[in-house]
Amino acid sequence: MPDIPLTTLLLLCLAAAAAGWIDAVVGGGGLLQLPALMVGLPHFAPAYVLGTNKAVAIVGTSAAAVTYARKAPIDVRNAVRIGLAAVCGSLAGAFFAAGIDSAVLRPLIMVVLLAVLAFVLLRPAFGTAPAPGPATRQRVLTAILVAGVGIGFYDGLLGPGTGTFLVIALAAILHMDLVTASATTKVVNVCTNFGALVTFAVQGTVLWGLAALMAVFNLTGGMVGARMALKKGSGFVRAVLVVVVVTLVCKLAYDQWLAP
């Protein structure tokens, strides 16, 4: 594990726990965890930050997926189809991630977040009711291409917000309610994390000691978040989604333009 001050290490662990909770409820925990790693590991190349983030995230996401599977109606068949496509997409994205300059991460994430926020706010009834029947083949194929290949590639390349984007994609394309979409997303997200993590591991850009410590906190946060989402329903998930996106847009804007 790299030589990190105790205070910084504690803050990274707290960020991992909070990210696990956010990821389990609505996705997007990486938008908290990745910036925290960028601050905590300023002397490491972006590939190490991204690889360590994936090693932490896969643990919390897997725990949340198991928690949801016990009580939520996960669309396992479509989740596996989308997940397999997402593995391919994330492997490709992670391959290109080594060339990403950290200076472009914040503005890019901000633009995507603002688009997500606008979509959710302009659709008040979005994700409040399940689809009246099973999804058509055309919708499933669209979900595989958009949520699997497209978002999977983004997850391997950058990662932050992948869970949020998957929730929105599944709810919009397959007409799932937000709780079902969040539950199904966890299965897909495990696949995207796995595909990207394999690439980072092969490239040797994962700080395994730090990742293992943060993963314990991320796992705890993920299990708590999944239970709360199941108990409180789609309205709670939607509210958390809006708050998370607004908060992170403000933080990233501050870091980009106002921070000394």
C-alpha atoms as a PDB file:
ATOM      1  CA  MET A   1       0.000   0.000   0.000  1.00  0.00           C
ATOM      2  CA  PRO A   2       1.334   3.479  -0.831  1.00  0.00           C
ATOM      3  CA  ASP A   3       2.579   5.726   1.950  1.00  0.00           C
ATOM      4  CA  ILE A   4      -0.541   7.781   2.745  1.00  0.00           C
ATOM      5  CA  PRO A   5      -1.077  10.014   5.817  1.00  0.00           C
ATOM      6  CA  LEU A   6      -3.491   8.518   8.351  1.00  0.00           C
ATOM      7  CA  THR A   7      -5.959  11.412   7.993  1.00  0.00           C
ATOM      8  CA  THR A   8      -6.053  11.002   4.212  1.00  0.00           C
ATOM      9  CA  LEU A   9      -6.499   7.246   4.580  1.00  0.00           C
ATOM     10  CA  LEU A  10      -9.433   7.757   6.957  1.00  0.00           C
ATOM     11  CA  LEU A  11     -11.089  10.201   4.568  1.00  0.00           C
ATOM     12  CA  LEU A  12     -10.642   7.762   1.680  1.00  0.00           C
ATOM     13  CA  CYS A  13     -12.329   5.016   3.722  1.00  0.00           C
ATOM     14  CA  LEU A  14     -15.245   7.301   4.643  1.00  0.00           C
ATOM     15  CA  ALA A  15     -15.586   8.294   0.987  1.00  0.00           C
ATOM     16  CA  ALA A  16     -15.656   4.603   0.052  1.00  0.00           C
ATOM     17  CA  ALA A  17     -18.459   3.928   2.556  1.00  0.00           C
ATOM     18  CA  ALA A  18     -20.510   6.870   1.297  1.00  0.00           C
ATOM     19  CA  ALA A  19     -19.866   5.850  -2.303  1.00  0.00           C
ATOM     20  CA  GLY A  20     -21.039   2.317  -1.558  1.00  0.00           C
ATOM     21  CA  TRP A  21     -24.290   3.671  -0.097  1.00  0.00           C
ATOM     22  CA  ILE A  22     -24.890   5.987  -3.072  1.00  0.00           C
ATOM     23  CA  ASP A  23     -24.028   3.245  -5.553  1.00  0.00           C
ATOM     24  CA  ALA A  24     -26.494   0.840  -3.981  1.00  0.00           C
ATOM     25  CA  VAL A  25     -29.373   3.338  -3.900  1.00  0.00           C
ATOM     26  CA  VAL A  26     -29.053   4.985  -7.287  1.00  0.00           C
ATOM     27  CA  GLY A  27     -25.568   4.408  -8.692  1.00  0.00           C
ATOM     28  CA  GLY A  28     -22.868   6.994  -9.214  1.00  0.00           C
ATOM     29  CA  GLY A  29     -20.789   6.336  -6.120  1.00  0.00           C
ATOM     30  CA  GLY A  30     -17.674   6.671  -8.256  1.00  0.00           C
ATOM     31  CA  LEU A  31     -18.450  10.358  -8.611  1.00  0.00           C
ATOM     32  CA  LEU A  32     -17.533  10.654  -4.935  1.00  0.00           C
ATOM     33  CA  GLN A  33     -14.938   7.914  -4.677  1.00  0.00           C
ATOM     34  CA  LEU A  34     -12.928   8.747  -7.796  1.00  0.00           C
ATOM     35  CA  PRO A  35     -12.378  12.456  -6.944  1.00  0.00           C
ATOM     36  CA  ALA A  36     -11.438  11.382  -3.420  1.00  0.00           C
ATOM     37  CA  LEU A  37      -8.794   9.043  -4.843  1.00  0.00           C
ATOM     38  CA  MET A  38      -7.570  11.750  -7.193  1.00  0.00           C
ATOM     39  CA  VAL A  39      -7.017  14.042  -4.205  1.00  0.00           C
ATOM     40  CA  GLY A  40      -5.581  11.304  -1.977  1.00  0.00           C
ATOM     41  CA  LEU A  41      -3.185   9.967  -4.631  1.00  0.00           C
ATOM     42  CA  PRO A  42      -1.924  13.150  -6.330  1.00  0.00           C
ATOM     43  CA  HIS A  43       1.411  11.637  -7.389  1.00  0.00           C
ATOM     44  CA  PHE A  44      -0.033   8.591  -9.140  1.00  0.00           C
ATOM     45  CA  ALA A  45      -0.963   8.396 -12.829  1.00  0.00           C
ATOM     46  CA  PRO A  46      -4.723   8.441 -13.620  1.00  0.00           C
ATOM     47  CA  ALA A  47      -4.622   4.762 -14.586  1.00  0.00           C
ATOM     48  CA  TYR A  48      -3.708   3.823 -10.981  1.00  0.00           C
ATOM     49  CA  VAL A  49      -6.551   5.944  -9.615  1.00  0.00           C
ATOM     50  CA  LEU A  50      -9.038   4.390 -12.045  1.00  0.00           C
ATOM     51  CA  GLY A  51      -7.789   0.850 -11.453  1.00  0.00           C
ATOM     52  CA  THR A  52      -7.912   1.153  -7.656  1.00  0.00           C
ATOM     53  CA  ASN A  53     -11.376   2.688  -7.889  1.00  0.00           C
ATOM     54  CA  LYS A  54     -12.599  -0.346  -9.860  1.00  0.00           C
ATOM     55  CA  ALA A  55     -11.112  -2.800  -7.348  1.00  0.00           C
ATOM     56  CA  VAL A  56     -13.005  -1.069  -4.536  1.00  0.00           C
ATOM     57  CA  ALA A  57     -16.257  -0.567  -6.436  1.00  0.00           C
ATOM     58  CA  ILE A  58     -16.701  -4.169  -7.526  1.00  0.00           C
ATOM     59  CA  VAL A  59     -16.886  -5.330  -3.901  1.00  0.00           C
ATOM     60  CA  GLY A  60     -19.621  -2.915  -2.844  1.00  0.00           C
ATOM     61  CA  THR A  61     -21.583  -3.421  -6.061  1.00  0.00           C
ATOM     62  CA  SER A  62     -21.460  -7.200  -5.671  1.00  0.00           C
ATOM     63  CA  ALA A  63     -22.728  -6.948  -2.085  1.00  0.00           C
ATOM     64  CA  ALA A  64     -25.561  -4.657  -3.194  1.00  0.00           C
ATOM     65  CA  ALA A  65     -26.450  -7.051  -6.037  1.00  0.00           C
ATOM     66  CA  VAL A  66     -26.747  -9.969  -3.592  1.00  0.00           C
ATOM     67  CA  THR A  67     -28.874  -7.869  -1.211  1.00  0.00           C
ATOM     68  CA  TYR A  68     -31.225  -6.814  -4.016  1.00  0.00           C
ATOM     69  CA  ALA A  69     -31.442 -10.343  -5.463  1.00  0.00           C
ATOM     70  CA  ARG A  70     -32.894 -11.632  -2.219  1.00  0.00           C
ATOM     71  CA  LYS A  71     -35.825  -9.195  -2.175  1.00  0.00           C
ATOM     72  CA  ALA A  72     -36.164  -7.279  -5.466  1.00  0.00           C
ATOM     73  CA  PRO A  73     -37.563  -8.430  -8.840  1.00  0.00           C
ATOM     74  CA  ILE A  74     -34.327  -8.441 -10.843  1.00  0.00           C
ATOM     75  CA  ASP A  75     -34.680  -9.057 -14.579  1.00  0.00           C
ATOM     76  CA  VAL A  76     -31.895 -11.641 -14.521  1.00  0.00           C
ATOM     77  CA  ARG A  77     -32.135 -12.704 -18.175  1.00  0.00           C
ATOM     78  CA  ASN A  78     -31.779  -9.205 -19.597  1.00  0.00           C
ATOM     79  CA  ALA A  79     -29.299  -8.217 -16.894  1.00  0.00           C
ATOM     80  CA  VAL A  80     -26.991 -11.052 -17.974  1.00  0.00           C
ATOM     81  CA  ARG A  81     -27.349 -10.137 -21.669  1.00  0.00           C
ATOM     82  CA  ILE A  82     -26.578  -6.488 -21.003  1.00  0.00           C
ATOM     83  CA  GLY A  83     -23.848  -7.466 -18.551  1.00  0.00           C
ATOM     84  CA  LEU A  84     -21.994  -9.622 -21.102  1.00  0.00           C
ATOM     85  CA  ALA A  85     -22.086  -6.759 -23.600  1.00  0.00           C
ATOM     86  CA  ALA A  86     -20.924  -4.429 -20.820  1.00  0.00           C
ATOM     87  CA  VAL A  87     -17.894  -6.634 -20.103  1.00  0.00           C
ATOM     88  CA  CYS A  88     -16.781  -6.230 -23.716  1.00  0.00           C
ATOM     89  CA  GLY A  89     -17.431  -2.501 -23.612  1.00  0.00           C
ATOM     90  CA  SER A  90     -15.591  -1.975 -20.331  1.00  0.00           C
ATOM     91  CA  LEU A  91     -12.598  -4.020 -21.481  1.00  0.00           C
ATOM     92  CA  ALA A  92     -12.305  -1.766 -24.522  1.00  0.00           C
ATOM     93  CA  GLY A  93     -12.774   1.383 -22.442  1.00  0.00           C
ATOM     94  CA  ALA A  94     -10.153   0.366 -19.888  1.00  0.00           C
ATOM     95  CA  PHE A  95      -7.691  -0.320 -22.709  1.00  0.00           C
ATOM     96  CA  PHE A  96      -7.887   3.354 -23.707  1.00  0.00           C
ATOM     97  CA  ALA A  97      -7.989   4.669 -20.125  1.00  0.00           C
ATOM     98  CA  ALA A  98      -4.197   4.763 -19.740  1.00  0.00           C
ATOM     99  CA  GLY A  99      -4.077   7.658 -22.174  1.00  0.00           C
ATOM    100  CA  ILE A 100      -6.647   9.780 -20.308  1.00  0.00           C
ATOM    101  CA  ASP A 101      -5.345  13.064 -18.895  1.00  0.00           C
ATOM    102  CA  SER A 102      -6.768  13.749 -15.422  1.00  0.00           C
ATOM    103  CA  ALA A 103      -7.281  17.400 -16.414  1.00  0.00           C
ATOM    104  CA  VAL A 104     -10.193  16.406 -18.674  1.00  0.00           C
ATOM    105  CA  LEU A 105     -12.018  14.257 -16.122  1.00  0.00           C
ATOM    106  CA  ARG A 106     -13.885  16.957 -14.168  1.00  0.00           C
ATOM    107  CA  PRO A 107     -15.303  18.979 -17.110  1.00  0.00           C
ATOM    108  CA  LEU A 108     -16.367  15.806 -18.922  1.00  0.00           C
ATOM    109  CA  ILE A 109     -18.115  14.375 -15.873  1.00  0.00           C
ATOM    110  CA  MET A 110     -19.852  17.711 -15.228  1.00  0.00           C
ATOM    111  CA  VAL A 111     -21.342  17.840 -18.728  1.00  0.00           C
ATOM    112  CA  VAL A 112     -22.689  14.305 -18.430  1.00  0.00           C
ATOM    113  CA  LEU A 113     -24.111  15.011 -14.973  1.00  0.00           C
ATOM    114  CA  LEU A 114     -25.947  18.128 -16.127  1.00  0.00           C
ATOM    115  CA  ALA A 115     -27.524  16.137 -18.955  1.00  0.00           C
ATOM    116  CA  VAL A 116     -28.669  13.499 -16.449  1.00  0.00           C
ATOM    117  CA  LEU A 117     -30.106  16.134 -14.109  1.00  0.00           C
ATOM    118  CA  ALA A 118     -32.040  17.837 -16.908  1.00  0.00           C
ATOM    119  CA  PHE A 119     -33.511  14.512 -18.023  1.00  0.00           C
ATOM    120  CA  VAL A 120     -34.694  13.535 -14.546  1.00  0.00           C
ATOM    121  CA  LEU A 121     -36.139  16.957 -13.659  1.00  0.00           C
ATOM    122  CA  LEU A 122     -38.006  17.286 -16.963  1.00  0.00           C
ATOM    123  CA  ARG A 123     -39.615  13.867 -16.496  1.00  0.00           C
ATOM    124  CA  PRO A 124     -41.442  14.000 -13.107  1.00  0.00           C
ATOM    125  CA  ALA A 125     -43.089  10.599 -13.597  1.00  0.00           C
ATOM    126  CA  PHE A 126     -39.858   8.943 -14.717  1.00  0.00           C
ATOM    127  CA  GLY A 127     -39.289   5.605 -13.022  1.00  0.00           C
ATOM    128  CA  THR A 128     -42.354   5.756 -10.768  1.00  0.00           C
ATOM    129  CA  ALA A 129     -44.255   2.821 -12.253  1.00  0.00           C
ATOM    130  CA  PRO A 130     -43.218  -0.507 -13.791  1.00  0.00           C
ATOM    131  CA  ALA A 131     -43.835  -1.406 -17.425  1.00  0.00           C
ATOM    132  CA  PRO A 132     -47.251  -2.916 -18.234  1.00  0.00           C
ATOM    133  CA  GLY A 133     -45.657  -5.966 -19.836  1.00  0.00           C
ATOM    134  CA  PRO A 134     -42.345  -7.574 -20.893  1.00  0.00           C
ATOM    135  CA  ALA A 135     -39.936  -5.537 -22.995  1.00  0.00           C
ATOM    136  CA  THR A 136     -39.942  -6.034 -26.769  1.00  0.00           C
ATOM    137  CA  ARG A 137     -36.948  -7.473 -28.604  1.00  0.00           C
ATOM    138  CA  GLN A 138     -36.209  -4.058 -30.074  1.00  0.00           C
ATOM    139  CA  ARG A 139     -36.076  -2.464 -26.625  1.00  0.00           C
ATOM    140  CA  VAL A 140     -33.882  -5.251 -25.275  1.00  0.00           C
ATOM    141  CA  LEU A 141     -31.476  -4.889 -28.213  1.00  0.00           C
ATOM    142  CA  THR A 142     -31.369  -1.117 -27.680  1.00  0.00           C
ATOM    143  CA  ALA A 143     -30.634  -1.669 -23.992  1.00  0.00           C
ATOM    144  CA  ILE A 144     -27.812  -4.083 -24.860  1.00  0.00           C
ATOM    145  CA  LEU A 145     -26.217  -1.560 -27.216  1.00  0.00           C
ATOM    146  CA  VAL A 146     -26.736   1.552 -25.084  1.00  0.00           C
ATOM    147  CA  ALA A 147     -26.493   0.220 -21.516  1.00  0.00           C
ATOM    148  CA  GLY A 148     -24.193  -2.678 -22.314  1.00  0.00           C
ATOM    149  CA  VAL A 149     -21.706  -1.653 -24.971  1.00  0.00           C
ATOM    150  CA  GLY A 150     -21.995   2.144 -24.666  1.00  0.00           C
ATOM    151  CA  ILE A 151     -22.125   2.641 -20.901  1.00  0.00           C
ATOM    152  CA  GLY A 152     -19.790  -0.326 -20.426  1.00  0.00           C
ATOM    153  CA  PHE A 153     -17.181   1.441 -22.563  1.00  0.00           C
ATOM    154  CA  TYR A 154     -17.637   4.613 -20.524  1.00  0.00           C
ATOM    155  CA  ASP A 155     -17.237   2.619 -17.299  1.00  0.00           C
ATOM    156  CA  GLY A 156     -13.926   1.195 -18.420  1.00  0.00           C
ATOM    157  CA  LEU A 157     -12.714   4.533 -19.733  1.00  0.00           C
ATOM    158  CA  LEU A 158     -13.739   6.780 -16.802  1.00  0.00           C
ATOM    159  CA  GLY A 159     -16.314   5.082 -14.567  1.00  0.00           C
ATOM    160  CA  PRO A 160     -17.965   7.767 -12.393  1.00  0.00           C
ATOM    161  CA  GLY A 161     -21.733   7.794 -12.733  1.00  0.00           C
ATOM    162  CA  THR A 162     -21.969   4.445 -14.505  1.00  0.00           C
ATOM    163  CA  GLY A 163     -24.540   3.087 -12.054  1.00  0.00           C
ATOM    164  CA  THR A 164     -26.642   6.236 -12.375  1.00  0.00           C
ATOM    165  CA  PHE A 165     -26.519   6.107 -16.164  1.00  0.00           C
ATOM    166  CA  LEU A 166     -27.459   2.429 -16.140  1.00  0.00           C
ATOM    167  CA  VAL A 167     -30.447   3.058 -13.861  1.00  0.00           C
ATOM    168  CA  ILE A 168     -31.687   5.824 -16.148  1.00  0.00           C
ATOM    169  CA  ALA A 169     -31.066   3.775 -19.311  1.00  0.00           C
ATOM    170  CA  LEU A 170     -32.883   0.694 -18.021  1.00  0.00           C
ATOM    171  CA  ALA A 171     -35.811   2.735 -16.693  1.00  0.00           C
ATOM    172  CA  ALA A 172     -36.085   4.716 -19.942  1.00  0.00           C
ATOM    173  CA  ILE A 173     -35.538   1.910 -22.449  1.00  0.00           C
ATOM    174  CA  LEU A 174     -37.083  -1.094 -20.663  1.00  0.00           C
ATOM    175  CA  HIS A 175     -39.681   0.944 -18.704  1.00  0.00           C
ATOM    176  CA  MET A 176     -38.606  -0.385 -15.310  1.00  0.00           C
ATOM    177  CA  ASP A 177     -39.478   1.386 -12.070  1.00  0.00           C
ATOM    178  CA  LEU A 178     -36.442   2.875 -10.335  1.00  0.00           C
ATOM    179  CA  VAL A 179     -36.107   0.177  -7.659  1.00  0.00           C
ATOM    180  CA  THR A 180     -36.173  -2.634 -10.245  1.00  0.00           C
ATOM    181  CA  ALA A 181     -33.827  -0.671 -12.515  1.00  0.00           C
ATOM    182  CA  SER A 182     -31.432  -0.087  -9.620  1.00  0.00           C
ATOM    183  CA  ALA A 183     -31.512  -3.764  -8.667  1.00  0.00           C
ATOM    184  CA  THR A 184     -30.942  -4.924 -12.261  1.00  0.00           C
ATOM    185  CA  THR A 185     -28.204  -2.339 -12.688  1.00  0.00           C
ATOM    186  CA  LYS A 186     -26.149  -3.905  -9.919  1.00  0.00           C
ATOM    187  CA  VAL A 187     -25.819  -7.141 -11.907  1.00  0.00           C
ATOM    188  CA  VAL A 188     -24.750  -5.218 -15.010  1.00  0.00           C
ATOM    189  CA  ASN A 189     -22.421  -2.981 -13.001  1.00  0.00           C
ATOM    190  CA  VAL A 190     -20.626  -5.979 -11.517  1.00  0.00           C
ATOM    191  CA  CYS A 191     -19.914  -7.101 -15.083  1.00  0.00           C
ATOM    192  CA  THR A 192     -18.604  -3.695 -16.190  1.00  0.00           C
ATOM    193  CA  ASN A 193     -16.433  -3.426 -13.085  1.00  0.00           C
ATOM    194  CA  PHE A 194     -15.059  -6.913 -13.654  1.00  0.00           C
ATOM    195  CA  GLY A 195     -14.192  -6.284 -17.293  1.00  0.00           C
ATOM    196  CA  ALA A 196     -12.408  -3.019 -16.514  1.00  0.00           C
ATOM    197  CA  LEU A 197     -10.663  -4.449 -13.438  1.00  0.00           C
ATOM    198  CA  VAL A 198      -9.204  -7.336 -15.452  1.00  0.00           C
ATOM    199  CA  THR A 199      -7.607  -4.859 -17.859  1.00  0.00           C
ATOM    200  CA  PHE A 200      -6.237  -2.655 -15.075  1.00  0.00           C
ATOM    201  CA  ALA A 201      -4.910  -5.718 -13.215  1.00  0.00           C
ATOM    202  CA  VAL A 202      -3.120  -7.004 -16.321  1.00  0.00           C
ATOM    203  CA  GLN A 203      -1.598  -3.550 -16.803  1.00  0.00           C
ATOM    204  CA  GLY A 204      -0.480  -3.552 -13.145  1.00  0.00           C
ATOM    205  CA  THR A 205      -2.294  -0.319 -12.296  1.00  0.00           C
ATOM    206  CA  VAL A 206      -4.194  -1.396  -9.162  1.00  0.00           C
ATOM    207  CA  LEU A 207      -3.042  -0.500  -5.626  1.00  0.00           C
ATOM    208  CA  TRP A 208      -4.351  -3.698  -4.056  1.00  0.00           C
ATOM    209  CA  GLY A 209      -3.537  -2.923  -0.416  1.00  0.00           C
ATOM    210  CA  LEU A 210      -5.388   0.396  -0.430  1.00  0.00           C
ATOM    211  CA  ALA A 211      -8.222  -1.102  -2.467  1.00  0.00           C
ATOM    212  CA  ALA A 212      -8.714  -3.939   0.034  1.00  0.00           C
ATOM    213  CA  LEU A 213      -9.009  -1.537   2.967  1.00  0.00           C
ATOM    214  CA  MET A 214     -11.424   0.809   1.185  1.00  0.00           C
ATOM    215  CA  ALA A 215     -13.447  -2.159  -0.102  1.00  0.00           C
ATOM    216  CA  VAL A 216     -14.468  -3.117   3.450  1.00  0.00           C
ATOM    217  CA  PHE A 217     -16.072   0.286   3.924  1.00  0.00           C
ATOM    218  CA  ASN A 218     -17.556   0.294   0.428  1.00  0.00           C
ATOM    219  CA  LEU A 219     -19.148  -3.112   1.042  1.00  0.00           C
ATOM    220  CA  THR A 220     -20.753  -1.943   4.289  1.00  0.00           C
ATOM    221  CA  GLY A 221     -22.152   1.179   2.640  1.00  0.00           C
ATOM    222  CA  GLY A 222     -23.489  -0.863  -0.267  1.00  0.00           C
ATOM    223  CA  MET A 223     -25.393  -3.295   1.916  1.00  0.00           C
ATOM    224  CA  VAL A 224     -26.964  -0.498   3.993  1.00  0.00           C
ATOM    225  CA  GLY A 225     -27.927   1.465   0.858  1.00  0.00           C
ATOM    226  CA  ALA A 226     -29.570  -1.508  -0.844  1.00  0.00           C
ATOM    227  CA  ARG A 227     -31.709  -2.252   2.221  1.00  0.00           C
ATOM    228  CA  MET A 228     -32.833   1.388   2.441  1.00  0.00           C
ATOM    229  CA  ALA A 229     -33.767   1.520  -1.258  1.00  0.00           C
ATOM    230  CA  LEU A 230     -35.818  -1.668  -0.967  1.00  0.00           C
ATOM    231  CA  LYS A 231     -37.607  -0.374   2.108  1.00  0.00           C
ATOM    232  CA  LYS A 232     -38.374   3.169   0.912  1.00  0.00           C
ATOM    233  CA  GLY A 233     -39.134   2.594  -2.790  1.00  0.00           C
ATOM    234  CA  SER A 234     -38.813   4.523  -6.068  1.00  0.00           C
ATOM    235  CA  GLY A 235     -39.643   7.949  -4.626  1.00  0.00           C
ATOM    236  CA  PHE A 236     -36.684   7.717  -2.277  1.00  0.00           C
ATOM    237  CA  VAL A 237     -34.385   6.545  -5.078  1.00  0.00           C
ATOM    238  CA  ARG A 238     -35.456   9.458  -7.291  1.00  0.00           C
ATOM    239  CA  ALA A 239     -34.887  12.000  -4.513  1.00  0.00           C
ATOM    240  CA  VAL A 240     -31.410  10.627  -3.794  1.00  0.00           C
ATOM    241  CA  LEU A 241     -30.629  10.683  -7.513  1.00  0.00           C
ATOM    242  CA  VAL A 242     -31.440  14.399  -7.795  1.00  0.00           C
ATOM    243  CA  VAL A 243     -29.577  15.342  -4.595  1.00  0.00           C
ATOM    244  CA  VAL A 244     -26.492  13.345  -5.565  1.00  0.00           C
ATOM    245  CA  VAL A 245     -26.302  14.819  -9.052  1.00  0.00           C
ATOM    246  CA  VAL A 246     -26.819  18.434  -7.894  1.00  0.00           C
ATOM    247  CA  THR A 247     -24.279  18.098  -5.078  1.00  0.00           C
ATOM    248  CA  LEU A 248     -21.623  16.564  -7.271  1.00  0.00           C
ATOM    249  CA  VAL A 249     -22.098  19.105 -10.065  1.00  0.00           C
ATOM    250  CA  CYS A 250     -21.555  21.898  -7.526  1.00  0.00           C
ATOM    251  CA  LYS A 251     -18.496  20.195  -6.061  1.00  0.00           C
ATOM    252  CA  LEU A 252     -16.889  19.521  -9.421  1.00  0.00           C
ATOM    253  CA  ALA A 253     -17.584  23.105 -10.547  1.00  0.00           C
ATOM    254  CA  TYR A 254     -15.917  24.404  -7.381  1.00  0.00           C
ATOM    255  CA  ASP A 255     -12.902  22.129  -7.848  1.00  0.00           C
ATOM    256  CA  GLN A 256     -12.571  23.139 -11.482  1.00  0.00           C
ATOM    257  CA  TRP A 257     -12.909  26.908 -11.268  1.00  0.00           C
ATOM    258  CA  LEU A 258     -12.900  28.168  -7.675  1.00  0.00           C
ATOM    259  CA  ALA A 259     -10.565  25.969  -5.675  1.00  0.00           C
ATOM    260  CA  PRO A 260      -7.108  27.485  -5.054  1.00  0.00           C
END
